[in-house]
Amino acid sequence: MNINKFFQKIMNNWKVKIICIVIALLIYVFHVIASLDHKNYIVPLEIKQNGNLIVCSDLTPYKFIKVSVRGKAEHLASISENDFKVYVDISSIVDEGEVELSVMVECAERLLEMDPLEISCKPDNIKLKLEQKIISYVPVKPSITGSPAYGYEMVVNKINPDSVGVIGPKSQVEKIESVTTSPVSINAAVKDVTQKVSLVNLNSFIKYEETSPYEVYVEIKSLNQIKRFTSVPVVVENLRSNLEVISEPYFIDLTLEGSVVDIEKLNLSQIKVFVDCAEIESEGEITLPVIVNYPFSTKLVTQSISSATIKLSLIEEEHEDTEPLAETDEINLKDAE
């Protein structure tokens, strides 16, 4: 009997009671929500594009996504941007054109144990333009800066590997004819330069196929210059003391070649032109080769004469003059005897 009365009391005005219960629950939920702390996190957006299409629209407005989290203060204190991964996935899309995609938020597993926790992001969907993805192989050109030292020049520059695969939207890839490297300085260089380099990429829609490291080789060579000397006297050397030259002196014109630095320093005092008479023992007319001595850093290009004919003569010995005795002196000498 008492049980029946209890149920009758419960069912009496049951609609009002249900409304009150719902209102109470809502008030509790609102109270809980109101008591939660709020924190925003800025997370970079990732594009998953493993299919045949690739994004070709400007991603600057969507480079970062704001992730909003509501939860207990002690929970929020342990959460960081690294606990979230924000992405859109276009891998399953097959048609080119503009699409609208939902932004997905993936959180670390430990966040699933936090209750209550409310996660949202802004914007929650984005519009992207998709295009066919292609790869094209183009030459790599070294970027050479500076100038070699004075008197030197760059002969050739090479890079290995000499090409790279460019991957990206078809409309962007087809515009690329070559790829440049990070700068290689040859400023004041006096010898060959070898340097590892990276490839320069100024197009955010493009990426390069991974290859072995790129290496640039620059050959540096000294510049050559020619210098001419005229009317250089030919010296007679190693002449015996009893011989003398009685012929006219010889003069020679010389042309020498060497690096700019060496040639500019070269002067006549560094050059010796002579004929060697070390083997000549007697007088007469003799033809001898003209010998030219010059610095090892240079090269003799031309000389106007290769031999010289000289006349040698014996030097007469000097004798003391003795006067003959006078006849009177001889007589006096006999008388003395």
C-alpha atoms as a PDB file:
ATOM      1  CA  MET A   1       0.000   0.000   0.000  1.00  0.00           C
ATOM      2  CA  ASN A   2       2.806   2.319   0.922  1.00  0.00           C
ATOM      3  CA  ILE A   3       4.570   1.441  -2.316  1.00  0.00           C
ATOM      4  CA  ASN A   4       1.533   2.390  -4.343  1.00  0.00           C
ATOM      5  CA  LYS A   5       1.328   5.734  -2.581  1.00  0.00           C
ATOM      6  CA  PHE A   6       5.051   6.301  -3.303  1.00  0.00           C
ATOM      7  CA  PHE A   7       4.607   5.726  -7.027  1.00  0.00           C
ATOM      8  CA  GLN A   8       1.489   7.874  -7.062  1.00  0.00           C
ATOM      9  CA  LYS A   9       3.470  10.737  -5.561  1.00  0.00           C
ATOM     10  CA  ILE A  10       6.213  10.264  -8.142  1.00  0.00           C
ATOM     11  CA  MET A  11       3.812  10.225 -11.068  1.00  0.00           C
ATOM     12  CA  ASN A  12       1.884  13.172  -9.776  1.00  0.00           C
ATOM     13  CA  ASN A  13       2.778  16.138 -12.008  1.00  0.00           C
ATOM     14  CA  TRP A  14       5.456  14.013 -13.651  1.00  0.00           C
ATOM     15  CA  LYS A  15       5.925  16.412 -16.558  1.00  0.00           C
ATOM     16  CA  VAL A  16       6.874  19.232 -14.244  1.00  0.00           C
ATOM     17  CA  LYS A  17       9.240  16.978 -12.364  1.00  0.00           C
ATOM     18  CA  ILE A  18      10.995  15.839 -15.558  1.00  0.00           C
ATOM     19  CA  ILE A  19      11.393  19.426 -16.663  1.00  0.00           C
ATOM     20  CA  CYS A  20      12.932  20.274 -13.302  1.00  0.00           C
ATOM     21  CA  ILE A  21      15.359  17.381 -13.555  1.00  0.00           C
ATOM     22  CA  VAL A  22      16.406  18.443 -17.058  1.00  0.00           C
ATOM     23  CA  ILE A  23      16.848  22.005 -15.916  1.00  0.00           C
ATOM     24  CA  ALA A  24      18.939  20.819 -12.977  1.00  0.00           C
ATOM     25  CA  LEU A  25      21.154  18.761 -15.270  1.00  0.00           C
ATOM     26  CA  LEU A  26      21.614  21.676 -17.616  1.00  0.00           C
ATOM     27  CA  ILE A  27      22.495  23.945 -14.729  1.00  0.00           C
ATOM     28  CA  TYR A  28      25.061  21.377 -13.562  1.00  0.00           C
ATOM     29  CA  VAL A  29      26.543  21.032 -17.038  1.00  0.00           C
ATOM     30  CA  PHE A  30      26.716  24.804 -17.465  1.00  0.00           C
ATOM     31  CA  HIS A  31      28.311  25.078 -14.050  1.00  0.00           C
ATOM     32  CA  VAL A  32      30.914  22.453 -14.925  1.00  0.00           C
ATOM     33  CA  ILE A  33      31.652  24.115 -18.260  1.00  0.00           C
ATOM     34  CA  ALA A  34      31.850  27.530 -16.678  1.00  0.00           C
ATOM     35  CA  SER A  35      34.287  26.245 -14.100  1.00  0.00           C
ATOM     36  CA  LEU A  36      36.657  24.863 -16.796  1.00  0.00           C
ATOM     37  CA  ASP A  37      39.729  26.810 -17.817  1.00  0.00           C
ATOM     38  CA  HIS A  38      40.427  27.698 -21.428  1.00  0.00           C
ATOM     39  CA  LYS A  39      43.708  27.729 -23.334  1.00  0.00           C
ATOM     40  CA  ASN A  40      44.701  28.194 -27.006  1.00  0.00           C
ATOM     41  CA  TYR A  41      47.561  26.470 -28.823  1.00  0.00           C
ATOM     42  CA  ILE A  42      49.024  27.438 -32.204  1.00  0.00           C
ATOM     43  CA  VAL A  43      49.837  24.291 -34.186  1.00  0.00           C
ATOM     44  CA  PRO A  44      51.308  24.058 -37.721  1.00  0.00           C
ATOM     45  CA  LEU A  45      49.011  22.543 -40.334  1.00  0.00           C
ATOM     46  CA  GLU A  46      50.208  19.400 -42.094  1.00  0.00           C
ATOM     47  CA  ILE A  47      49.042  18.425 -45.585  1.00  0.00           C
ATOM     48  CA  LYS A  48      48.893  14.692 -46.191  1.00  0.00           C
ATOM     49  CA  GLN A  49      49.255  14.265 -49.942  1.00  0.00           C
ATOM     50  CA  ASN A  50      50.376  10.771 -50.811  1.00  0.00           C
ATOM     51  CA  GLY A  51      48.255  10.394 -53.943  1.00  0.00           C
ATOM     52  CA  ASN A  52      48.579  11.749 -57.487  1.00  0.00           C
ATOM     53  CA  LEU A  53      47.413  15.244 -56.555  1.00  0.00           C
ATOM     54  CA  ILE A  54      49.198  18.063 -54.762  1.00  0.00           C
ATOM     55  CA  VAL A  55      48.163  21.417 -53.301  1.00  0.00           C
ATOM     56  CA  CYS A  56      48.848  24.363 -55.629  1.00  0.00           C
ATOM     57  CA  SER A  57      47.074  27.166 -53.742  1.00  0.00           C
ATOM     58  CA  ASP A  58      48.559  29.576 -51.220  1.00  0.00           C
ATOM     59  CA  LEU A  59      48.763  27.940 -47.800  1.00  0.00           C
ATOM     60  CA  THR A  60      49.928  31.059 -45.962  1.00  0.00           C
ATOM     61  CA  PRO A  61      46.510  31.741 -44.326  1.00  0.00           C
ATOM     62  CA  TYR A  62      46.432  28.142 -43.100  1.00  0.00           C
ATOM     63  CA  LYS A  63      50.056  27.735 -42.109  1.00  0.00           C
ATOM     64  CA  PHE A  64      49.021  27.574 -38.442  1.00  0.00           C
ATOM     65  CA  ILE A  65      45.745  26.452 -36.855  1.00  0.00           C
ATOM     66  CA  LYS A  66      44.465  27.627 -33.482  1.00  0.00           C
ATOM     67  CA  VAL A  67      43.528  24.703 -31.263  1.00  0.00           C
ATOM     68  CA  SER A  68      41.281  25.625 -28.315  1.00  0.00           C
ATOM     69  CA  VAL A  69      41.145  23.391 -25.255  1.00  0.00           C
ATOM     70  CA  ARG A  70      38.798  23.584 -22.263  1.00  0.00           C
ATOM     71  CA  GLY A  71      39.556  21.523 -19.184  1.00  0.00           C
ATOM     72  CA  LYS A  72      40.705  21.548 -15.629  1.00  0.00           C
ATOM     73  CA  ALA A  73      43.510  23.947 -14.837  1.00  0.00           C
ATOM     74  CA  GLU A  74      45.801  21.162 -13.645  1.00  0.00           C
ATOM     75  CA  HIS A  75      45.247  19.310 -16.920  1.00  0.00           C
ATOM     76  CA  LEU A  76      45.857  22.339 -19.113  1.00  0.00           C
ATOM     77  CA  ALA A  77      49.106  23.069 -17.297  1.00  0.00           C
ATOM     78  CA  SER A  78      50.583  19.799 -18.601  1.00  0.00           C
ATOM     79  CA  ILE A  79      49.427  20.248 -22.221  1.00  0.00           C
ATOM     80  CA  SER A  80      51.631  21.784 -24.947  1.00  0.00           C
ATOM     81  CA  GLU A  81      51.515  22.322 -28.724  1.00  0.00           C
ATOM     82  CA  ASN A  82      53.466  19.102 -29.175  1.00  0.00           C
ATOM     83  CA  ASP A  83      50.448  17.123 -27.918  1.00  0.00           C
ATOM     84  CA  PHE A  84      48.489  18.023 -31.061  1.00  0.00           C
ATOM     85  CA  LYS A  85      48.778  17.174 -34.721  1.00  0.00           C
ATOM     86  CA  VAL A  86      46.604  19.175 -37.104  1.00  0.00           C
ATOM     87  CA  TYR A  87      46.194  18.031 -40.709  1.00  0.00           C
ATOM     88  CA  VAL A  88      44.075  17.716 -43.816  1.00  0.00           C
ATOM     89  CA  ASP A  89      44.328  14.590 -45.952  1.00  0.00           C
ATOM     90  CA  ILE A  90      43.995  14.787 -49.752  1.00  0.00           C
ATOM     91  CA  SER A  91      45.473  11.354 -50.478  1.00  0.00           C
ATOM     92  CA  SER A  92      42.148   9.815 -51.455  1.00  0.00           C
ATOM     93  CA  ILE A  93      41.054  12.650 -53.772  1.00  0.00           C
ATOM     94  CA  VAL A  94      41.414  11.870 -57.491  1.00  0.00           C
ATOM     95  CA  ASP A  95      39.997  14.935 -59.278  1.00  0.00           C
ATOM     96  CA  GLU A  96      41.817  18.219 -59.809  1.00  0.00           C
ATOM     97  CA  GLY A  97      40.194  21.490 -58.792  1.00  0.00           C
ATOM     98  CA  GLU A  98      39.098  23.310 -55.654  1.00  0.00           C
ATOM     99  CA  VAL A  99      37.957  21.281 -52.647  1.00  0.00           C
ATOM    100  CA  GLU A 100      36.798  22.078 -49.109  1.00  0.00           C
ATOM    101  CA  LEU A 101      38.275  19.853 -46.430  1.00  0.00           C
ATOM    102  CA  SER A 102      37.731  19.444 -42.707  1.00  0.00           C
ATOM    103  CA  VAL A 103      40.699  20.141 -40.470  1.00  0.00           C
ATOM    104  CA  MET A 104      41.461  17.093 -38.337  1.00  0.00           C
ATOM    105  CA  VAL A 105      42.958  17.340 -34.855  1.00  0.00           C
ATOM    106  CA  GLU A 106      44.842  14.371 -33.481  1.00  0.00           C
ATOM    107  CA  CYS A 107      45.922  14.497 -29.842  1.00  0.00           C
ATOM    108  CA  ALA A 108      48.357  12.498 -27.727  1.00  0.00           C
ATOM    109  CA  GLU A 109      46.969   9.365 -26.074  1.00  0.00           C
ATOM    110  CA  ARG A 110      47.546  10.696 -22.576  1.00  0.00           C
ATOM    111  CA  LEU A 111      45.044  13.487 -23.239  1.00  0.00           C
ATOM    112  CA  LEU A 112      42.285  10.887 -23.639  1.00  0.00           C
ATOM    113  CA  GLU A 113      42.536  10.118 -19.938  1.00  0.00           C
ATOM    114  CA  MET A 114      41.748  13.718 -18.980  1.00  0.00           C
ATOM    115  CA  ASP A 115      38.079  14.321 -18.217  1.00  0.00           C
ATOM    116  CA  PRO A 116      36.498  16.697 -18.892  1.00  0.00           C
ATOM    117  CA  LEU A 117      38.392  17.912 -21.945  1.00  0.00           C
ATOM    118  CA  GLU A 118      36.933  19.812 -24.866  1.00  0.00           C
ATOM    119  CA  ILE A 119      39.019  20.328 -28.044  1.00  0.00           C
ATOM    120  CA  SER A 120      38.167  22.486 -31.061  1.00  0.00           C
ATOM    121  CA  CYS A 121      40.087  24.262 -33.817  1.00  0.00           C
ATOM    122  CA  LYS A 122      39.749  27.372 -35.928  1.00  0.00           C
ATOM    123  CA  PRO A 123      39.371  27.333 -38.857  1.00  0.00           C
ATOM    124  CA  ASP A 124      37.746  23.922 -38.809  1.00  0.00           C
ATOM    125  CA  ASN A 125      37.656  23.616 -42.620  1.00  0.00           C
ATOM    126  CA  ILE A 126      39.714  25.100 -45.452  1.00  0.00           C
ATOM    127  CA  LYS A 127      39.527  25.427 -49.223  1.00  0.00           C
ATOM    128  CA  LEU A 128      42.422  24.122 -51.301  1.00  0.00           C
ATOM    129  CA  LYS A 129      43.204  23.970 -55.001  1.00  0.00           C
ATOM    130  CA  LEU A 130      44.581  20.630 -56.157  1.00  0.00           C
ATOM    131  CA  GLU A 131      46.620  19.810 -59.254  1.00  0.00           C
ATOM    132  CA  GLN A 132      48.386  16.835 -60.789  1.00  0.00           C
ATOM    133  CA  LYS A 133      51.738  16.047 -59.176  1.00  0.00           C
ATOM    134  CA  ILE A 134      54.666  15.458 -61.565  1.00  0.00           C
ATOM    135  CA  ILE A 135      58.444  15.100 -61.403  1.00  0.00           C
ATOM    136  CA  SER A 136      60.872  16.669 -63.869  1.00  0.00           C
ATOM    137  CA  TYR A 137      64.674  16.432 -63.997  1.00  0.00           C
ATOM    138  CA  VAL A 138      66.476  19.732 -64.567  1.00  0.00           C
ATOM    139  CA  PRO A 139      70.162  20.770 -64.536  1.00  0.00           C
ATOM    140  CA  VAL A 140      71.794  22.143 -61.394  1.00  0.00           C
ATOM    141  CA  LYS A 141      73.873  25.298 -61.887  1.00  0.00           C
ATOM    142  CA  PRO A 142      76.515  26.305 -59.315  1.00  0.00           C
ATOM    143  CA  SER A 143      76.265  29.818 -57.876  1.00  0.00           C
ATOM    144  CA  ILE A 144      79.793  31.269 -58.008  1.00  0.00           C
ATOM    145  CA  THR A 145      80.563  34.522 -56.172  1.00  0.00           C
ATOM    146  CA  GLY A 146      83.642  36.718 -55.984  1.00  0.00           C
ATOM    147  CA  SER A 147      86.728  36.840 -58.213  1.00  0.00           C
ATOM    148  CA  PRO A 148      90.068  35.018 -58.018  1.00  0.00           C
ATOM    149  CA  ALA A 149      93.187  36.814 -56.864  1.00  0.00           C
ATOM    150  CA  TYR A 150      94.913  39.221 -59.240  1.00  0.00           C
ATOM    151  CA  GLY A 151      96.594  37.293 -62.041  1.00  0.00           C
ATOM    152  CA  TYR A 152      94.228  34.302 -61.785  1.00  0.00           C
ATOM    153  CA  GLU A 153      91.042  33.309 -63.566  1.00  0.00           C
ATOM    154  CA  MET A 154      88.235  30.758 -63.246  1.00  0.00           C
ATOM    155  CA  VAL A 155      88.659  28.195 -66.010  1.00  0.00           C
ATOM    156  CA  VAL A 156      85.632  25.943 -65.415  1.00  0.00           C
ATOM    157  CA  ASN A 157      83.127  24.998 -62.717  1.00  0.00           C
ATOM    158  CA  LYS A 158      81.411  21.631 -62.333  1.00  0.00           C
ATOM    159  CA  ILE A 159      78.835  20.114 -59.981  1.00  0.00           C
ATOM    160  CA  ASN A 160      78.164  16.504 -59.073  1.00  0.00           C
ATOM    161  CA  PRO A 161      75.399  15.330 -59.396  1.00  0.00           C
ATOM    162  CA  ASP A 162      74.559  17.748 -62.193  1.00  0.00           C
ATOM    163  CA  SER A 163      70.748  17.320 -62.184  1.00  0.00           C
ATOM    164  CA  VAL A 164      67.861  17.019 -59.704  1.00  0.00           C
ATOM    165  CA  GLY A 165      64.285  15.778 -59.751  1.00  0.00           C
ATOM    166  CA  VAL A 166      61.787  18.600 -59.153  1.00  0.00           C
ATOM    167  CA  ILE A 167      58.460  17.471 -57.639  1.00  0.00           C
ATOM    168  CA  GLY A 168      55.319  19.588 -57.434  1.00  0.00           C
ATOM    169  CA  PRO A 169      52.184  20.813 -59.210  1.00  0.00           C
ATOM    170  CA  LYS A 170      52.440  20.469 -62.975  1.00  0.00           C
ATOM    171  CA  SER A 171      51.922  24.188 -63.643  1.00  0.00           C
ATOM    172  CA  GLN A 172      54.776  25.093 -61.269  1.00  0.00           C
ATOM    173  CA  VAL A 173      57.238  22.366 -62.267  1.00  0.00           C
ATOM    174  CA  GLU A 174      56.972  23.165 -65.977  1.00  0.00           C
ATOM    175  CA  LYS A 175      58.218  26.717 -65.299  1.00  0.00           C
ATOM    176  CA  ILE A 176      61.501  25.528 -63.770  1.00  0.00           C
ATOM    177  CA  GLU A 177      64.397  25.233 -66.241  1.00  0.00           C
ATOM    178  CA  SER A 178      67.261  24.868 -63.742  1.00  0.00           C
ATOM    179  CA  VAL A 179      68.078  24.908 -60.045  1.00  0.00           C
ATOM    180  CA  THR A 180      70.852  26.936 -58.396  1.00  0.00           C
ATOM    181  CA  THR A 181      73.022  26.100 -55.404  1.00  0.00           C
ATOM    182  CA  SER A 182      74.057  27.927 -52.275  1.00  0.00           C
ATOM    183  CA  PRO A 183      76.916  30.363 -53.024  1.00  0.00           C
ATOM    184  CA  VAL A 184      80.472  29.146 -53.594  1.00  0.00           C
ATOM    185  CA  SER A 185      83.011  31.918 -53.004  1.00  0.00           C
ATOM    186  CA  ILE A 186      86.190  32.062 -55.100  1.00  0.00           C
ATOM    187  CA  ASN A 187      87.158  35.482 -53.807  1.00  0.00           C
ATOM    188  CA  ALA A 188      90.971  35.945 -53.848  1.00  0.00           C
ATOM    189  CA  ALA A 189      91.418  32.249 -54.759  1.00  0.00           C
ATOM    190  CA  VAL A 190      94.822  31.155 -56.084  1.00  0.00           C
ATOM    191  CA  LYS A 191      94.030  27.439 -56.324  1.00  0.00           C
ATOM    192  CA  ASP A 192      91.121  25.134 -57.171  1.00  0.00           C
ATOM    193  CA  VAL A 193      88.045  25.317 -54.907  1.00  0.00           C
ATOM    194  CA  THR A 194      85.911  22.308 -53.876  1.00  0.00           C
ATOM    195  CA  GLN A 195      82.828  22.815 -51.694  1.00  0.00           C
ATOM    196  CA  LYS A 196      79.708  20.894 -50.664  1.00  0.00           C
ATOM    197  CA  VAL A 197      76.527  22.877 -51.357  1.00  0.00           C
ATOM    198  CA  SER A 198      72.774  22.752 -50.888  1.00  0.00           C
ATOM    199  CA  LEU A 199      70.078  23.489 -53.453  1.00  0.00           C
ATOM    200  CA  VAL A 200      68.169  26.773 -53.251  1.00  0.00           C
ATOM    201  CA  ASN A 201      64.382  26.451 -53.231  1.00  0.00           C
ATOM    202  CA  LEU A 202      62.299  29.634 -53.208  1.00  0.00           C
ATOM    203  CA  ASN A 203      59.029  27.964 -54.271  1.00  0.00           C
ATOM    204  CA  SER A 204      56.943  26.577 -51.408  1.00  0.00           C
ATOM    205  CA  PHE A 205      54.996  24.317 -53.800  1.00  0.00           C
ATOM    206  CA  ILE A 206      58.155  22.588 -54.988  1.00  0.00           C
ATOM    207  CA  LYS A 207      60.436  20.052 -53.360  1.00  0.00           C
ATOM    208  CA  TYR A 208      63.522  18.276 -54.639  1.00  0.00           C
ATOM    209  CA  GLU A 209      64.092  14.580 -54.938  1.00  0.00           C
ATOM    210  CA  GLU A 210      66.524  13.357 -52.299  1.00  0.00           C
ATOM    211  CA  THR A 211      69.962  12.573 -53.714  1.00  0.00           C
ATOM    212  CA  SER A 212      73.555  12.325 -52.555  1.00  0.00           C
ATOM    213  CA  PRO A 213      75.234  15.581 -51.374  1.00  0.00           C
ATOM    214  CA  TYR A 214      76.055  18.086 -54.109  1.00  0.00           C
ATOM    215  CA  GLU A 215      79.695  19.130 -54.560  1.00  0.00           C
ATOM    216  CA  VAL A 216      81.001  22.020 -56.657  1.00  0.00           C
ATOM    217  CA  TYR A 217      84.487  22.028 -58.179  1.00  0.00           C
ATOM    218  CA  VAL A 218      85.963  25.282 -59.528  1.00  0.00           C
ATOM    219  CA  GLU A 219      89.252  25.205 -61.454  1.00  0.00           C
ATOM    220  CA  ILE A 220      91.437  28.270 -60.870  1.00  0.00           C
ATOM    221  CA  LYS A 221      94.348  28.968 -63.227  1.00  0.00           C
ATOM    222  CA  SER A 222      96.992  31.675 -63.292  1.00  0.00           C
ATOM    223  CA  LEU A 223      96.803  34.103 -66.203  1.00  0.00           C
ATOM    224  CA  ASN A 224      99.835  34.107 -68.495  1.00  0.00           C
ATOM    225  CA  GLN A 225     101.518  37.204 -69.868  1.00  0.00           C
ATOM    226  CA  ILE A 226     104.374  37.839 -72.316  1.00  0.00           C
ATOM    227  CA  LYS A 227     107.269  40.247 -71.782  1.00  0.00           C
ATOM    228  CA  ARG A 228     109.833  41.289 -74.413  1.00  0.00           C
ATOM    229  CA  PHE A 229     113.413  42.416 -73.817  1.00  0.00           C
ATOM    230  CA  THR A 230     115.371  44.024 -76.675  1.00  0.00           C
ATOM    231  CA  SER A 231     119.069  44.605 -77.309  1.00  0.00           C
ATOM    232  CA  VAL A 232     120.214  42.438 -74.437  1.00  0.00           C
ATOM    233  CA  PRO A 233     124.046  42.131 -74.581  1.00  0.00           C
ATOM    234  CA  VAL A 234     125.523  38.651 -75.017  1.00  0.00           C
ATOM    235  CA  VAL A 235     128.313  38.245 -72.473  1.00  0.00           C
ATOM    236  CA  VAL A 236     131.431  36.143 -73.112  1.00  0.00           C
ATOM    237  CA  GLU A 237     132.131  33.947 -70.113  1.00  0.00           C
ATOM    238  CA  ASN A 238     134.918  31.636 -68.944  1.00  0.00           C
ATOM    239  CA  LEU A 239     137.414  33.099 -71.420  1.00  0.00           C
ATOM    240  CA  ARG A 240     141.024  32.091 -70.772  1.00  0.00           C
ATOM    241  CA  SER A 241     143.259  34.840 -69.468  1.00  0.00           C
ATOM    242  CA  ASN A 242     145.563  34.707 -72.519  1.00  0.00           C
ATOM    243  CA  LEU A 243     142.697  35.257 -74.968  1.00  0.00           C
ATOM    244  CA  GLU A 244     140.675  38.302 -75.853  1.00  0.00           C
ATOM    245  CA  VAL A 245     137.594  39.007 -77.996  1.00  0.00           C
ATOM    246  CA  ILE A 246     138.323  41.158 -80.996  1.00  0.00           C
ATOM    247  CA  SER A 247     134.948  40.863 -82.743  1.00  0.00           C
ATOM    248  CA  GLU A 248     131.967  43.181 -82.397  1.00  0.00           C
ATOM    249  CA  PRO A 249     129.606  42.459 -79.427  1.00  0.00           C
ATOM    250  CA  TYR A 250     126.320  40.644 -80.012  1.00  0.00           C
ATOM    251  CA  PHE A 251     122.864  41.758 -78.852  1.00  0.00           C
ATOM    252  CA  ILE A 252     119.746  39.598 -78.594  1.00  0.00           C
ATOM    253  CA  ASP A 253     115.976  40.120 -78.374  1.00  0.00           C
ATOM    254  CA  LEU A 254     114.079  37.834 -75.947  1.00  0.00           C
ATOM    255  CA  THR A 255     110.429  37.021 -75.317  1.00  0.00           C
ATOM    256  CA  LEU A 256     109.444  35.299 -72.045  1.00  0.00           C
ATOM    257  CA  GLU A 257     106.091  34.035 -70.847  1.00  0.00           C
ATOM    258  CA  GLY A 258     104.788  33.410 -67.331  1.00  0.00           C
ATOM    259  CA  SER A 259     102.047  34.214 -64.886  1.00  0.00           C
ATOM    260  CA  VAL A 260     100.957  37.826 -64.634  1.00  0.00           C
ATOM    261  CA  VAL A 261     102.421  38.082 -61.137  1.00  0.00           C
ATOM    262  CA  ASP A 262     105.789  36.585 -62.148  1.00  0.00           C
ATOM    263  CA  ILE A 263     106.105  38.509 -65.412  1.00  0.00           C
ATOM    264  CA  GLU A 264     105.348  41.840 -63.754  1.00  0.00           C
ATOM    265  CA  LYS A 265     108.188  41.204 -61.289  1.00  0.00           C
ATOM    266  CA  LEU A 266     110.616  40.074 -63.999  1.00  0.00           C
ATOM    267  CA  ASN A 267     113.450  42.458 -64.892  1.00  0.00           C
ATOM    268  CA  LEU A 268     116.687  42.305 -66.866  1.00  0.00           C
ATOM    269  CA  SER A 269     118.794  41.669 -63.767  1.00  0.00           C
ATOM    270  CA  GLN A 270     117.168  38.227 -63.476  1.00  0.00           C
ATOM    271  CA  ILE A 271     118.175  37.261 -67.034  1.00  0.00           C
ATOM    272  CA  LYS A 272     121.670  36.222 -68.099  1.00  0.00           C
ATOM    273  CA  VAL A 273     122.639  35.808 -71.769  1.00  0.00           C
ATOM    274  CA  PHE A 274     126.133  34.470 -72.573  1.00  0.00           C
ATOM    275  CA  VAL A 275     128.377  32.247 -74.640  1.00  0.00           C
ATOM    276  CA  ASP A 276     130.607  29.788 -72.780  1.00  0.00           C
ATOM    277  CA  CYS A 277     134.278  29.779 -73.784  1.00  0.00           C
ATOM    278  CA  ALA A 278     135.408  27.296 -71.144  1.00  0.00           C
ATOM    279  CA  GLU A 279     136.498  24.772 -73.808  1.00  0.00           C
ATOM    280  CA  ILE A 280     138.289  27.287 -76.057  1.00  0.00           C
ATOM    281  CA  GLU A 281     142.082  27.103 -75.737  1.00  0.00           C
ATOM    282  CA  SER A 282     143.373  28.854 -78.848  1.00  0.00           C
ATOM    283  CA  GLU A 283     142.734  31.956 -80.898  1.00  0.00           C
ATOM    284  CA  GLY A 284     140.618  32.014 -83.992  1.00  0.00           C
ATOM    285  CA  GLU A 285     137.024  32.389 -85.131  1.00  0.00           C
ATOM    286  CA  ILE A 286     134.507  30.129 -83.416  1.00  0.00           C
ATOM    287  CA  THR A 287     130.735  29.777 -83.325  1.00  0.00           C
ATOM    288  CA  LEU A 288     129.153  29.106 -79.915  1.00  0.00           C
ATOM    289  CA  PRO A 289     125.536  28.572 -78.793  1.00  0.00           C
ATOM    290  CA  VAL A 290     123.894  31.509 -77.031  1.00  0.00           C
ATOM    291  CA  ILE A 291     122.753  30.410 -73.574  1.00  0.00           C
ATOM    292  CA  VAL A 292     119.863  32.174 -71.837  1.00  0.00           C
ATOM    293  CA  ASN A 293     119.331  31.768 -68.104  1.00  0.00           C
ATOM    294  CA  TYR A 294     115.977  32.984 -66.722  1.00  0.00           C
ATOM    295  CA  PRO A 295     113.726  32.295 -63.667  1.00  0.00           C
ATOM    296  CA  PHE A 296     112.166  28.828 -63.502  1.00  0.00           C
ATOM    297  CA  SER A 297     108.712  30.377 -63.088  1.00  0.00           C
ATOM    298  CA  THR A 298     108.875  31.709 -66.648  1.00  0.00           C
ATOM    299  CA  LYS A 299     109.300  30.190 -70.093  1.00  0.00           C
ATOM    300  CA  LEU A 300     111.471  31.352 -72.994  1.00  0.00           C
ATOM    301  CA  VAL A 301     109.248  31.825 -76.020  1.00  0.00           C
ATOM    302  CA  THR A 302     111.600  33.344 -78.594  1.00  0.00           C
ATOM    303  CA  GLN A 303     115.189  34.516 -78.924  1.00  0.00           C
ATOM    304  CA  SER A 304     116.434  36.426 -81.963  1.00  0.00           C
ATOM    305  CA  ILE A 305     119.723  34.520 -82.287  1.00  0.00           C
ATOM    306  CA  SER A 306     120.691  31.039 -81.138  1.00  0.00           C
ATOM    307  CA  SER A 307     124.450  31.236 -81.783  1.00  0.00           C
ATOM    308  CA  ALA A 308     127.221  33.807 -82.013  1.00  0.00           C
ATOM    309  CA  THR A 309     130.503  33.752 -83.957  1.00  0.00           C
ATOM    310  CA  ILE A 310     133.328  35.441 -82.097  1.00  0.00           C
ATOM    311  CA  LYS A 311     136.955  36.103 -82.957  1.00  0.00           C
ATOM    312  CA  LEU A 312     139.584  35.421 -80.343  1.00  0.00           C
ATOM    313  CA  SER A 313     143.152  36.585 -80.308  1.00  0.00           C
ATOM    314  CA  LEU A 314     146.163  35.805 -78.141  1.00  0.00           C
ATOM    315  CA  ILE A 315     147.228  38.547 -75.793  1.00  0.00           C
ATOM    316  CA  GLU A 316     150.916  39.433 -76.433  1.00  0.00           C
ATOM    317  CA  GLU A 317     153.171  39.033 -73.430  1.00  0.00           C
ATOM    318  CA  GLU A 318     154.961  42.177 -72.293  1.00  0.00           C
ATOM    319  CA  HIS A 319     158.950  42.021 -72.340  1.00  0.00           C
ATOM    320  CA  GLU A 320     161.316  44.344 -70.397  1.00  0.00           C
ATOM    321  CA  ASP A 321     163.469  46.562 -72.706  1.00  0.00           C
ATOM    322  CA  THR A 322     167.362  46.217 -72.064  1.00  0.00           C
ATOM    323  CA  GLU A 323     169.732  48.758 -73.633  1.00  0.00           C
ATOM    324  CA  PRO A 324     173.032  47.353 -75.229  1.00  0.00           C
ATOM    325  CA  LEU A 325     176.266  48.320 -73.553  1.00  0.00           C
ATOM    326  CA  ALA A 326     178.108  51.211 -75.218  1.00  0.00           C
ATOM    327  CA  GLU A 327     181.417  50.430 -76.883  1.00  0.00           C
ATOM    328  CA  THR A 328     183.351  52.750 -74.571  1.00  0.00           C
ATOM    329  CA  ASP A 329     181.882  51.021 -71.572  1.00  0.00           C
ATOM    330  CA  GLU A 330     183.023  47.662 -72.898  1.00  0.00           C
ATOM    331  CA  ILE A 331     186.611  49.029 -73.332  1.00  0.00           C
ATOM    332  CA  ASN A 332     186.697  50.427 -69.857  1.00  0.00           C
ATOM    333  CA  LEU A 333     185.507  47.115 -68.516  1.00  0.00           C
ATOM    334  CA  LYS A 334     188.400  45.294 -70.281  1.00  0.00           C
ATOM    335  CA  ASP A 335     190.946  47.797 -68.922  1.00  0.00           C
ATOM    336  CA  ALA A 336     189.708  47.192 -65.504  1.00  0.00           C
ATOM    337  CA  GLU A 337     190.374  43.567 -65.882  1.00  0.00           C
END
